[in-house]
Amino acid sequence: MKLLNKQIDMISWTSKEGIVTPVRFRMEESGETVVVKVTRVLRIDKTLMGGAPTLCFRCTSVLHGTERIYELTYHSATQQWLLKKA
């Protein structure tokens, strides 16, 4: 996996207990906009990045007929999503 740290547009669910689940996101790839549906969340890690709570999701999706594994990061202090690794 390559380290990307790209900002992305995200649609996510948040349960009444406060559990965040990514659903799909939009990113730029080779000059075009691609919408990626999160097929499965494999792992969720809670960390502190610069003292702010951060959630790191390892996920899979099928893109162009190939299953890909990638990492999404949610920074709760700034409410921003990053495509960290792909």
PDB file of N, CA and C in Angstrom:
ATOM      1  N   MET A   1       0.834  -1.182   0.000  1.00  0.00           N
ATOM      2  CA  MET A   1       0.000   0.000   0.000  1.00  0.00           C
ATOM      3  C   MET A   1       0.877   1.243   0.000  1.00  0.00           C
ATOM      4  N   LYS A   2       0.460   2.230  -0.795  1.00  0.00           N
ATOM      5  CA  LYS A   2       1.165   3.501  -0.847  1.00  0.00           C
ATOM      6  C   LYS A   2       0.540   4.484   0.122  1.00  0.00           C
ATOM      7  N   LEU A   3       1.359   5.312   0.750  1.00  0.00           N
ATOM      8  CA  LEU A   3       0.892   6.368   1.639  1.00  0.00           C
ATOM      9  C   LEU A   3       0.405   7.527   0.774  1.00  0.00           C
ATOM     10  N   LEU A   4      -0.875   7.916   0.921  1.00  0.00           N
ATOM     11  CA  LEU A   4      -1.473   8.960   0.087  1.00  0.00           C
ATOM     12  C   LEU A   4      -1.826  10.222   0.858  1.00  0.00           C
ATOM     13  N   ASN A   5      -2.521  10.082   1.992  1.00  0.00           N
ATOM     14  CA  ASN A   5      -3.006  11.220   2.784  1.00  0.00           C
ATOM     15  C   ASN A   5      -3.771  12.234   1.942  1.00  0.00           C
ATOM     16  N   LYS A   6      -4.750  11.757   1.166  1.00  0.00           N
ATOM     17  CA  LYS A   6      -5.600  12.622   0.344  1.00  0.00           C
ATOM     18  C   LYS A   6      -6.903  12.910   1.082  1.00  0.00           C
ATOM     19  N   GLN A   7      -7.348  14.156   1.058  1.00  0.00           N
ATOM     20  CA  GLN A   7      -8.657  14.483   1.614  1.00  0.00           C
ATOM     21  C   GLN A   7      -9.725  13.954   0.671  1.00  0.00           C
ATOM     22  N   ILE A   8     -10.806  13.393   1.253  1.00  0.00           N
ATOM     23  CA  ILE A   8     -11.879  12.815   0.457  1.00  0.00           C
ATOM     24  C   ILE A   8     -13.228  13.285   0.991  1.00  0.00           C
ATOM     25  N   ASP A   9     -14.245  13.194   0.126  1.00  0.00           N
ATOM     26  CA  ASP A   9     -15.626  13.423   0.538  1.00  0.00           C
ATOM     27  C   ASP A   9     -16.168  12.077   0.992  1.00  0.00           C
ATOM     28  N   MET A  10     -16.839  12.028   2.147  1.00  0.00           N
ATOM     29  CA  MET A  10     -17.275  10.768   2.733  1.00  0.00           C
ATOM     30  C   MET A  10     -18.748  10.816   3.100  1.00  0.00           C
ATOM     31  N   ILE A  11     -19.429   9.702   2.895  1.00  0.00           N
ATOM     32  CA  ILE A  11     -20.754   9.468   3.463  1.00  0.00           C
ATOM     33  C   ILE A  11     -20.570   8.382   4.503  1.00  0.00           C
ATOM     34  N   SER A  12     -20.998   8.654   5.731  1.00  0.00           N
ATOM     35  CA  SER A  12     -20.822   7.681   6.815  1.00  0.00           C
ATOM     36  C   SER A  12     -22.082   7.637   7.678  1.00  0.00           C
ATOM     37  N   TRP A  13     -22.217   6.549   8.418  1.00  0.00           N
ATOM     38  CA  TRP A  13     -23.294   6.397   9.395  1.00  0.00           C
ATOM     39  C   TRP A  13     -22.716   6.610  10.774  1.00  0.00           C
ATOM     40  N   THR A  14     -23.485   7.233  11.646  1.00  0.00           N
ATOM     41  CA  THR A  14     -23.118   7.337  13.045  1.00  0.00           C
ATOM     42  C   THR A  14     -24.303   6.825  13.860  1.00  0.00           C
ATOM     43  N   SER A  15     -24.065   5.795  14.657  1.00  0.00           N
ATOM     44  CA  SER A  15     -25.143   5.214  15.456  1.00  0.00           C
ATOM     45  C   SER A  15     -25.452   6.106  16.653  1.00  0.00           C
ATOM     46  N   LYS A  16     -26.538   5.815  17.326  1.00  0.00           N
ATOM     47  CA  LYS A  16     -26.900   6.611  18.505  1.00  0.00           C
ATOM     48  C   LYS A  16     -25.902   6.412  19.637  1.00  0.00           C
ATOM     49  N   GLU A  17     -25.104   5.330  19.572  1.00  0.00           N
ATOM     50  CA  GLU A  17     -24.040   5.109  20.549  1.00  0.00           C
ATOM     51  C   GLU A  17     -22.752   5.842  20.165  1.00  0.00           C
ATOM     52  N   GLY A  18     -22.734   6.474  18.991  1.00  0.00           N
ATOM     53  CA  GLY A  18     -21.566   7.238  18.557  1.00  0.00           C
ATOM     54  C   GLY A  18     -20.576   6.448  17.726  1.00  0.00           C
ATOM     55  N   ILE A  19     -20.972   5.272  17.234  1.00  0.00           N
ATOM     56  CA  ILE A  19     -20.083   4.449  16.415  1.00  0.00           C
ATOM     57  C   ILE A  19     -20.163   4.934  14.970  1.00  0.00           C
ATOM     58  N   VAL A  20     -18.998   5.307  14.404  1.00  0.00           N
ATOM     59  CA  VAL A  20     -18.907   5.828  13.042  1.00  0.00           C
ATOM     60  C   VAL A  20     -18.587   4.670  12.098  1.00  0.00           C
ATOM     61  N   THR A  21     -19.325   4.594  10.968  1.00  0.00           N
ATOM     62  CA  THR A  21     -19.093   3.560   9.964  1.00  0.00           C
ATOM     63  C   THR A  21     -19.041   4.216   8.591  1.00  0.00           C
ATOM     64  N   PRO A  22     -17.918   4.087   7.856  1.00  0.00           N
ATOM     65  CA  PRO A  22     -17.856   4.647   6.500  1.00  0.00           C
ATOM     66  C   PRO A  22     -18.733   3.838   5.545  1.00  0.00           C
ATOM     67  N   VAL A  23     -19.422   4.549   4.631  1.00  0.00           N
ATOM     68  CA  VAL A  23     -20.307   3.891   3.672  1.00  0.00           C
ATOM     69  C   VAL A  23     -19.746   3.991   2.259  1.00  0.00           C
ATOM     70  N   ARG A  24     -19.476   5.203   1.797  1.00  0.00           N
ATOM     71  CA  ARG A  24     -18.840   5.397   0.484  1.00  0.00           C
ATOM     72  C   ARG A  24     -18.149   6.748   0.452  1.00  0.00           C
ATOM     73  N   PHE A  25     -17.174   6.857  -0.461  1.00  0.00           N
ATOM     74  CA  PHE A  25     -16.429   8.105  -0.562  1.00  0.00           C
ATOM     75  C   PHE A  25     -16.131   8.433  -2.013  1.00  0.00           C
ATOM     76  N   ARG A  26     -15.786   9.699  -2.223  1.00  0.00           N
ATOM     77  CA  ARG A  26     -15.456  10.198  -3.556  1.00  0.00           C
ATOM     78  C   ARG A  26     -14.020  10.688  -3.544  1.00  0.00           C
ATOM     79  N   MET A  27     -13.261  10.283  -4.596  1.00  0.00           N
ATOM     80  CA  MET A  27     -11.860  10.691  -4.697  1.00  0.00           C
ATOM     81  C   MET A  27     -11.503  10.943  -6.149  1.00  0.00           C
ATOM     82  N   GLU A  28     -10.372  11.591  -6.338  1.00  0.00           N
ATOM     83  CA  GLU A  28      -9.828  11.822  -7.674  1.00  0.00           C
ATOM     84  C   GLU A  28      -8.805  10.730  -7.970  1.00  0.00           C
ATOM     85  N   GLU A  29      -8.954  10.098  -9.147  1.00  0.00           N
ATOM     86  CA  GLU A  29      -7.998   9.070  -9.558  1.00  0.00           C
ATOM     87  C   GLU A  29      -7.740   9.229 -11.051  1.00  0.00           C
ATOM     88  N   SER A  30      -6.508   9.481 -11.411  1.00  0.00           N
ATOM     89  CA  SER A  30      -6.108   9.676 -12.806  1.00  0.00           C
ATOM     90  C   SER A  30      -6.918  10.786 -13.479  1.00  0.00           C
ATOM     91  N   GLY A  31      -7.190  11.862 -12.747  1.00  0.00           N
ATOM     92  CA  GLY A  31      -7.879  13.014 -13.300  1.00  0.00           C
ATOM     93  C   GLY A  31      -9.390  12.890 -13.368  1.00  0.00           C
ATOM     94  N   GLU A  32      -9.965  11.791 -12.903  1.00  0.00           N
ATOM     95  CA  GLU A  32     -11.420  11.656 -12.909  1.00  0.00           C
ATOM     96  C   GLU A  32     -11.931  11.374 -11.505  1.00  0.00           C
ATOM     97  N   THR A  33     -13.191  11.720 -11.263  1.00  0.00           N
ATOM     98  CA  THR A  33     -13.807  11.503  -9.966  1.00  0.00           C
ATOM     99  C   THR A  33     -14.355  10.082  -9.905  1.00  0.00           C
ATOM    100  N   VAL A  34     -14.003   9.366  -8.832  1.00  0.00           N
ATOM    101  CA  VAL A  34     -14.426   7.982  -8.643  1.00  0.00           C
ATOM    102  C   VAL A  34     -15.179   7.884  -7.321  1.00  0.00           C
ATOM    103  N   VAL A  35     -16.345   7.215  -7.333  1.00  0.00           N
ATOM    104  CA  VAL A  35     -17.103   6.951  -6.116  1.00  0.00           C
ATOM    105  C   VAL A  35     -16.842   5.505  -5.720  1.00  0.00           C
ATOM    106  N   VAL A  36     -16.395   5.315  -4.490  1.00  0.00           N
ATOM    107  CA  VAL A  36     -16.017   3.986  -3.999  1.00  0.00           C
ATOM    108  C   VAL A  36     -16.953   3.601  -2.862  1.00  0.00           C
ATOM    109  N   LYS A  37     -17.626   2.455  -3.002  1.00  0.00           N
ATOM    110  CA  LYS A  37     -18.494   1.935  -1.941  1.00  0.00           C
ATOM    111  C   LYS A  37     -17.661   1.040  -1.034  1.00  0.00           C
ATOM    112  N   VAL A  38     -17.733   1.285   0.264  1.00  0.00           N
ATOM    113  CA  VAL A  38     -16.992   0.475   1.238  1.00  0.00           C
ATOM    114  C   VAL A  38     -17.726  -0.858   1.363  1.00  0.00           C
ATOM    115  N   THR A  39     -17.070  -1.929   0.932  1.00  0.00           N
ATOM    116  CA  THR A  39     -17.677  -3.252   0.977  1.00  0.00           C
ATOM    117  C   THR A  39     -17.655  -3.828   2.379  1.00  0.00           C
ATOM    118  N   ARG A  40     -16.499  -3.681   3.040  1.00  0.00           N
ATOM    119  CA  ARG A  40     -16.341  -4.291   4.364  1.00  0.00           C
ATOM    120  C   ARG A  40     -15.296  -3.525   5.160  1.00  0.00           C
ATOM    121  N   VAL A  41     -15.559  -3.362   6.448  1.00  0.00           N
ATOM    122  CA  VAL A  41     -14.584  -2.779   7.370  1.00  0.00           C
ATOM    123  C   VAL A  41     -13.888  -3.948   8.062  1.00  0.00           C
ATOM    124  N   LEU A  42     -12.580  -4.054   7.856  1.00  0.00           N
ATOM    125  CA  LEU A  42     -11.813  -5.164   8.418  1.00  0.00           C
ATOM    126  C   LEU A  42     -11.354  -4.900   9.843  1.00  0.00           C
ATOM    127  N   ARG A  43     -10.968  -3.651  10.108  1.00  0.00           N
ATOM    128  CA  ARG A  43     -10.421  -3.313  11.418  1.00  0.00           C
ATOM    129  C   ARG A  43     -10.609  -1.825  11.696  1.00  0.00           C
ATOM    130  N   ILE A  44     -10.833  -1.501  12.968  1.00  0.00           N
ATOM    131  CA  ILE A  44     -10.934  -0.102  13.405  1.00  0.00           C
ATOM    132  C   ILE A  44      -9.938   0.104  14.540  1.00  0.00           C
ATOM    133  N   ASP A  45      -9.061   1.089  14.400  1.00  0.00           N
ATOM    134  CA  ASP A  45      -8.100   1.428  15.447  1.00  0.00           C
ATOM    135  C   ASP A  45      -8.389   2.841  15.938  1.00  0.00           C
ATOM    136  N   LYS A  46      -8.415   3.009  17.256  1.00  0.00           N
ATOM    137  CA  LYS A  46      -8.573   4.331  17.865  1.00  0.00           C
ATOM    138  C   LYS A  46      -7.198   4.800  18.311  1.00  0.00           C
ATOM    139  N   THR A  47      -6.791   5.981  17.855  1.00  0.00           N
ATOM    140  CA  THR A  47      -5.483   6.516  18.205  1.00  0.00           C
ATOM    141  C   THR A  47      -5.616   8.001  18.538  1.00  0.00           C
ATOM    142  N   LEU A  48      -4.521   8.575  18.996  1.00  0.00           N
ATOM    143  CA  LEU A  48      -4.416  10.021  19.192  1.00  0.00           C
ATOM    144  C   LEU A  48      -3.385  10.533  18.198  1.00  0.00           C
ATOM    145  N   MET A  49      -3.779  11.515  17.396  1.00  0.00           N
ATOM    146  CA  MET A  49      -2.858  12.121  16.448  1.00  0.00           C
ATOM    147  C   MET A  49      -2.755  13.596  16.788  1.00  0.00           C
ATOM    148  N   GLY A  50      -1.637  14.008  17.302  1.00  0.00           N
ATOM    149  CA  GLY A  50      -1.476  15.384  17.749  1.00  0.00           C
ATOM    150  C   GLY A  50      -2.371  15.710  18.930  1.00  0.00           C
ATOM    151  N   GLY A  51      -2.700  14.704  19.735  1.00  0.00           N
ATOM    152  CA  GLY A  51      -3.548  14.890  20.898  1.00  0.00           C
ATOM    153  C   GLY A  51      -5.039  14.818  20.605  1.00  0.00           C
ATOM    154  N   ALA A  52      -5.412  14.692  19.321  1.00  0.00           N
ATOM    155  CA  ALA A  52      -6.826  14.636  18.938  1.00  0.00           C
ATOM    156  C   ALA A  52      -7.228  13.191  18.634  1.00  0.00           C
ATOM    157  N   PRO A  53      -8.419  12.774  19.072  1.00  0.00           N
ATOM    158  CA  PRO A  53      -8.880  11.418  18.790  1.00  0.00           C
ATOM    159  C   PRO A  53      -9.026  11.181  17.281  1.00  0.00           C
ATOM    160  N   THR A  54      -8.549  10.035  16.836  1.00  0.00           N
ATOM    161  CA  THR A  54      -8.572   9.671  15.427  1.00  0.00           C
ATOM    162  C   THR A  54      -9.012   8.223  15.293  1.00  0.00           C
ATOM    163  N   LEU A  55      -9.847   7.945  14.293  1.00  0.00           N
ATOM    164  CA  LEU A  55     -10.254   6.579  13.985  1.00  0.00           C
ATOM    165  C   LEU A  55      -9.617   6.180  12.661  1.00  0.00           C
ATOM    166  N   CYS A  56      -8.993   5.010  12.626  1.00  0.00           N
ATOM    167  CA  CYS A  56      -8.367   4.498  11.412  1.00  0.00           C
ATOM    168  C   CYS A  56      -9.110   3.225  11.008  1.00  0.00           C
ATOM    169  N   PHE A  57      -9.688   3.222   9.810  1.00  0.00           N
ATOM    170  CA  PHE A  57     -10.473   2.102   9.303  1.00  0.00           C
ATOM    171  C   PHE A  57      -9.693   1.390   8.205  1.00  0.00           C
ATOM    172  N   ARG A  58      -9.485   0.091   8.336  1.00  0.00           N
ATOM    173  CA  ARG A  58      -8.933  -0.711   7.244  1.00  0.00           C
ATOM    174  C   ARG A  58     -10.136  -1.351   6.565  1.00  0.00           C
ATOM    175  N   CYS A  59     -10.307  -1.083   5.257  1.00  0.00           N
ATOM    176  CA  CYS A  59     -11.516  -1.456   4.529  1.00  0.00           C
ATOM    177  C   CYS A  59     -11.177  -2.157   3.219  1.00  0.00           C
ATOM    178  N   THR A  60     -12.208  -2.771   2.622  1.00  0.00           N
ATOM    179  CA  THR A  60     -12.083  -3.334   1.281  1.00  0.00           C
ATOM    180  C   THR A  60     -13.204  -2.800   0.410  1.00  0.00           C
ATOM    181  N   SER A  61     -12.924  -2.725  -0.886  1.00  0.00           N
ATOM    182  CA  SER A  61     -13.908  -2.344  -1.895  1.00  0.00           C
ATOM    183  C   SER A  61     -13.535  -3.018  -3.197  1.00  0.00           C
ATOM    184  N   VAL A  62     -14.534  -3.160  -4.067  1.00  0.00           N
ATOM    185  CA  VAL A  62     -14.273  -3.660  -5.413  1.00  0.00           C
ATOM    186  C   VAL A  62     -14.285  -2.457  -6.334  1.00  0.00           C
ATOM    187  N   LEU A  63     -13.153  -2.223  -7.004  1.00  0.00           N
ATOM    188  CA  LEU A  63     -12.999  -1.079  -7.898  1.00  0.00           C
ATOM    189  C   LEU A  63     -12.442  -1.582  -9.219  1.00  0.00           C
ATOM    190  N   HIS A  64     -13.174  -1.347 -10.298  1.00  0.00           N
ATOM    191  CA  HIS A  64     -12.802  -1.818 -11.641  1.00  0.00           C
ATOM    192  C   HIS A  64     -12.624  -3.335 -11.658  1.00  0.00           C
ATOM    193  N   GLY A  65     -13.477  -4.062 -10.930  1.00  0.00           N
ATOM    194  CA  GLY A  65     -13.443  -5.517 -10.925  1.00  0.00           C
ATOM    195  C   GLY A  65     -12.384  -6.148 -10.039  1.00  0.00           C
ATOM    196  N   THR A  66     -11.648  -5.344  -9.285  1.00  0.00           N
ATOM    197  CA  THR A  66     -10.582  -5.841  -8.421  1.00  0.00           C
ATOM    198  C   THR A  66     -10.844  -5.425  -6.989  1.00  0.00           C
ATOM    199  N   GLU A  67     -10.705  -6.374  -6.046  1.00  0.00           N
ATOM    200  CA  GLU A  67     -10.867  -6.030  -4.636  1.00  0.00           C
ATOM    201  C   GLU A  67      -9.601  -5.326  -4.158  1.00  0.00           C
ATOM    202  N   ARG A  68      -9.789  -4.191  -3.495  1.00  0.00           N
ATOM    203  CA  ARG A  68      -8.656  -3.405  -2.999  1.00  0.00           C
ATOM    204  C   ARG A  68      -8.798  -3.194  -1.503  1.00  0.00           C
ATOM    205  N   ILE A  69      -7.670  -3.186  -0.811  1.00  0.00           N
ATOM    206  CA  ILE A  69      -7.619  -2.892   0.621  1.00  0.00           C
ATOM    207  C   ILE A  69      -7.019  -1.500   0.775  1.00  0.00           C
ATOM    208  N   TYR A  70      -7.576  -0.705   1.677  1.00  0.00           N
ATOM    209  CA  TYR A  70      -7.093   0.652   1.892  1.00  0.00           C
ATOM    210  C   TYR A  70      -7.406   1.082   3.314  1.00  0.00           C
ATOM    211  N   GLU A  71      -6.821   2.201   3.727  1.00  0.00           N
ATOM    212  CA  GLU A  71      -7.056   2.751   5.056  1.00  0.00           C
ATOM    213  C   GLU A  71      -7.668   4.140   4.948  1.00  0.00           C
ATOM    214  N   LEU A  72      -8.724   4.344   5.719  1.00  0.00           N
ATOM    215  CA  LEU A  72      -9.394   5.636   5.831  1.00  0.00           C
ATOM    216  C   LEU A  72      -9.185   6.148   7.247  1.00  0.00           C
ATOM    217  N   THR A  73      -8.939   7.429   7.386  1.00  0.00           N
ATOM    218  CA  THR A  73      -8.722   8.026   8.698  1.00  0.00           C
ATOM    219  C   THR A  73      -9.731   9.142   8.918  1.00  0.00           C
ATOM    220  N   TYR A  74     -10.379   9.117  10.095  1.00  0.00           N
ATOM    221  CA  TYR A  74     -11.333  10.161  10.473  1.00  0.00           C
ATOM    222  C   TYR A  74     -10.764  10.922  11.657  1.00  0.00           C
ATOM    223  N   HIS A  75     -10.539  12.225  11.470  1.00  0.00           N
ATOM    224  CA  HIS A  75     -10.052  13.101  12.527  1.00  0.00           C
ATOM    225  C   HIS A  75     -11.267  13.780  13.150  1.00  0.00           C
ATOM    226  N   SER A  76     -11.627  13.361  14.354  1.00  0.00           N
ATOM    227  CA  SER A  76     -12.864  13.867  14.963  1.00  0.00           C
ATOM    228  C   SER A  76     -12.779  15.346  15.345  1.00  0.00           C
ATOM    229  N   ALA A  77     -11.600  15.863  15.626  1.00  0.00           N
ATOM    230  CA  ALA A  77     -11.469  17.271  16.006  1.00  0.00           C
ATOM    231  C   ALA A  77     -11.797  18.196  14.830  1.00  0.00           C
ATOM    232  N   THR A  78     -11.354  17.831  13.622  1.00  0.00           N
ATOM    233  CA  THR A  78     -11.595  18.651  12.432  1.00  0.00           C
ATOM    234  C   THR A  78     -12.724  18.104  11.565  1.00  0.00           C
ATOM    235  N   GLN A  79     -13.217  16.907  11.902  1.00  0.00           N
ATOM    236  CA  GLN A  79     -14.258  16.208  11.151  1.00  0.00           C
ATOM    237  C   GLN A  79     -13.875  16.022   9.687  1.00  0.00           C
ATOM    238  N   GLN A  80     -12.608  15.666   9.459  1.00  0.00           N
ATOM    239  CA  GLN A  80     -12.107  15.435   8.106  1.00  0.00           C
ATOM    240  C   GLN A  80     -11.773  13.967   7.913  1.00  0.00           C
ATOM    241  N   TRP A  81     -11.992  13.500   6.685  1.00  0.00           N
ATOM    242  CA  TRP A  81     -11.649  12.141   6.293  1.00  0.00           C
ATOM    243  C   TRP A  81     -10.458  12.192   5.336  1.00  0.00           C
ATOM    244  N   LEU A  82      -9.547  11.239   5.494  1.00  0.00           N
ATOM    245  CA  LEU A  82      -8.391  11.103   4.611  1.00  0.00           C
ATOM    246  C   LEU A  82      -8.331   9.685   4.083  1.00  0.00           C
ATOM    247  N   LEU A  83      -7.963   9.557   2.812  1.00  0.00           N
ATOM    248  CA  LEU A  83      -7.573   8.260   2.273  1.00  0.00           C
ATOM    249  C   LEU A  83      -6.090   8.157   2.580  1.00  0.00           C
ATOM    250  N   LYS A  84      -5.759   7.406   3.612  1.00  0.00           N
ATOM    251  CA  LYS A  84      -4.394   7.372   4.107  1.00  0.00           C
ATOM    252  C   LYS A  84      -3.496   6.473   3.273  1.00  0.00           C
ATOM    253  N   LYS A  85      -3.952   5.237   3.031  1.00  0.00           N
ATOM    254  CA  LYS A  85      -3.156   4.282   2.256  1.00  0.00           C
ATOM    255  C   LYS A  85      -4.053   3.558   1.276  1.00  0.00           C
ATOM    256  N   ALA A  86      -3.485   3.259   0.109  1.00  0.00           N
ATOM    257  CA  ALA A  86      -4.220   2.468  -0.892  1.00  0.00           C
ATOM    258  C   ALA A  86      -3.263   1.574  -1.639  1.00  0.00           C
TER     259      ALA A  86
END
